[in-house]
C-alpha atoms as a PDB file:
ATOM      1  CA  MET A   1      -2.002  -6.892  -8.770  1.00  0.00           C
ATOM      2  CA  SER A   2      -0.239  -8.051  -5.625  1.00  0.00           C
ATOM      3  CA  ALA A   3       1.890  -5.556  -3.726  1.00  0.00           C
ATOM      4  CA  LYS A   4       5.062  -7.602  -4.330  1.00  0.00           C
ATOM      5  CA  ILE A   5       4.481  -7.765  -8.091  1.00  0.00           C
ATOM      6  CA  GLU A   6       3.691  -4.043  -8.131  1.00  0.00           C
ATOM      7  CA  LEU A   7       7.014  -3.327  -6.388  1.00  0.00           C
ATOM      8  CA  MET A   8       8.971  -5.583  -8.721  1.00  0.00           C
ATOM      9  CA  ALA A   9       7.369  -3.962 -11.784  1.00  0.00           C
ATOM     10  CA  ASN A  10       8.359  -0.520 -10.486  1.00  0.00           C
ATOM     11  CA  GLN A  11      11.889  -1.769  -9.838  1.00  0.00           C
ATOM     12  CA  GLN A  12      12.160  -3.047 -13.429  1.00  0.00           C
ATOM     13  CA  LYS A  13      11.164   0.432 -14.638  1.00  0.00           C
ATOM     14  CA  GLY A  14      14.118   1.887 -12.719  1.00  0.00           C
ATOM     15  CA  ILE A  15      12.029   3.378  -9.918  1.00  0.00           C
ATOM     16  CA  GLU A  16      13.910   3.368  -6.618  1.00  0.00           C
ATOM     17  CA  ARG A  17      11.316   4.747  -4.182  1.00  0.00           C
ATOM     18  CA  VAL A  18       7.562   4.380  -3.759  1.00  0.00           C
ATOM     19  CA  PHE A  19       4.970   5.920  -1.481  1.00  0.00           C
ATOM     20  CA  VAL A  20       1.813   4.411  -0.031  1.00  0.00           C
ATOM     21  CA  PHE A  21      -1.371   5.681  -1.649  1.00  0.00           C
ATOM     22  CA  THR A  22      -4.554   4.943   0.298  1.00  0.00           C
ATOM     23  CA  GLY A  23      -8.241   5.175  -0.465  1.00  0.00           C
ATOM     24  CA  GLY A  24      -8.383   8.478   1.428  1.00  0.00           C
ATOM     25  CA  ASP A  25     -11.402   8.862   3.689  1.00  0.00           C
ATOM     26  CA  ALA A  26     -12.693   5.476   2.518  1.00  0.00           C
ATOM     27  CA  SER A  27      -9.648   3.809   4.117  1.00  0.00           C
ATOM     28  CA  CYS A  28      -9.604   2.533   7.671  1.00  0.00           C
ATOM     29  CA  SER A  29      -7.613   4.377  10.342  1.00  0.00           C
ATOM     30  CA  GLU A  30      -4.748   1.842  10.209  1.00  0.00           C
ATOM     31  CA  CYS A  31      -4.301   2.306   6.462  1.00  0.00           C
ATOM     32  CA  GLN A  32      -4.507   6.087   6.816  1.00  0.00           C
ATOM     33  CA  LYS A  33      -1.461   5.910   9.124  1.00  0.00           C
ATOM     34  CA  LEU A  34       0.534   4.593   6.128  1.00  0.00           C
ATOM     35  CA  SER A  35      -0.679   7.305   3.740  1.00  0.00           C
ATOM     36  CA  GLY A  36       2.200   9.048   1.988  1.00  0.00           C
ATOM     37  CA  ARG A  37       4.903   7.038   3.733  1.00  0.00           C
ATOM     38  CA  VAL A  38       7.928   6.653   1.439  1.00  0.00           C
ATOM     39  CA  TYR A  39       9.946   3.439   1.093  1.00  0.00           C
ATOM     40  CA  THR A  40      12.795   2.306  -1.099  1.00  0.00           C
ATOM     41  CA  ILE A  41      11.771  -0.711  -3.158  1.00  0.00           C
ATOM     42  CA  ASP A  42      14.068  -2.890  -1.033  1.00  0.00           C
ATOM     43  CA  GLU A  43      12.549  -1.561   2.223  1.00  0.00           C
ATOM     44  CA  ALA A  44       9.013  -2.182   0.987  1.00  0.00           C
ATOM     45  CA  LEU A  45       9.891  -5.719  -0.137  1.00  0.00           C
ATOM     46  CA  ARG A  46      11.501  -6.437   3.230  1.00  0.00           C
ATOM     47  CA  GLU A  47       8.961  -4.719   5.540  1.00  0.00           C
ATOM     48  CA  LYS A  48       5.803  -5.525   3.507  1.00  0.00           C
ATOM     49  CA  PRO A  49       3.702  -2.645   4.880  1.00  0.00           C
ATOM     50  CA  ILE A  50       0.844  -3.393   2.479  1.00  0.00           C
ATOM     51  CA  PRO A  51      -1.553  -4.969   2.373  1.00  0.00           C
ATOM     52  CA  CYS A  52      -2.015  -3.559   5.857  1.00  0.00           C
ATOM     53  CA  LYS A  53      -2.317  -6.487   8.244  1.00  0.00           C
ATOM     54  CA  ALA A  54      -4.500  -4.472  10.651  1.00  0.00           C
ATOM     55  CA  CYS A  55      -6.834  -3.189   7.916  1.00  0.00           C
ATOM     56  CA  SER A  56     -10.453  -3.000   9.075  1.00  0.00           C
ATOM     57  CA  HIS A  57     -12.014  -1.606   5.891  1.00  0.00           C
ATOM     58  CA  GLN A  58     -15.604  -2.709   5.393  1.00  0.00           C
ATOM     59  CA  LEU A  59     -16.916  -3.215   1.899  1.00  0.00           C
ATOM     60  CA  HIS A  60     -20.500  -2.825   3.079  1.00  0.00           C
ATOM     61  CA  GLU A  61     -21.760  -2.308   6.597  1.00  0.00           C
ATOM     62  CA  GLY A  62     -20.975  -5.473   8.494  1.00  0.00           C
ATOM     63  CA  ARG A  63     -19.091  -7.080   5.585  1.00  0.00           C
ATOM     64  CA  GLU A  64     -15.324  -7.214   5.721  1.00  0.00           C
ATOM     65  CA  GLY A  65     -13.515  -5.647   2.798  1.00  0.00           C
ATOM     66  CA  TRP A  66      -9.839  -5.574   1.886  1.00  0.00           C
ATOM     67  CA  CYS A  67      -6.884  -3.222   2.091  1.00  0.00           C
ATOM     68  CA  MET A  68      -7.103  -0.583  -0.656  1.00  0.00           C
ATOM     69  CA  CYS A  69      -3.523   0.697  -0.260  1.00  0.00           C
ATOM     70  CA  ARG A  70      -1.258   0.775  -3.316  1.00  0.00           C
ATOM     71  CA  TYR A  71       2.336   1.667  -4.039  1.00  0.00           C
ATOM     72  CA  MET A  72       2.904   4.676  -6.262  1.00  0.00           C
ATOM     73  CA  PRO A  73       6.251   5.699  -7.800  1.00  0.00           C
ATOM     74  CA  GLN A  74       8.109   8.476  -5.964  1.00  0.00           C
ATOM     75  CA  HIS A  75       9.644  10.655  -8.688  1.00  0.00           C
END
């Protein structure tokens, strides 16, 4: 699911704030900087912090992967 659709689905459920959930130690250092950061839905839609544009996650050694960050509802 794309980050924008994920945000819009949360908004439809009445959720106002989300936090960035990363892949933990499996995430690259740039993604780890976003870990736990809280955004309002509007802020996240405007700033688009994920997928992380500087993500350097590797799927396998020498093979580029993709950003594993997700938005999670902040209750």
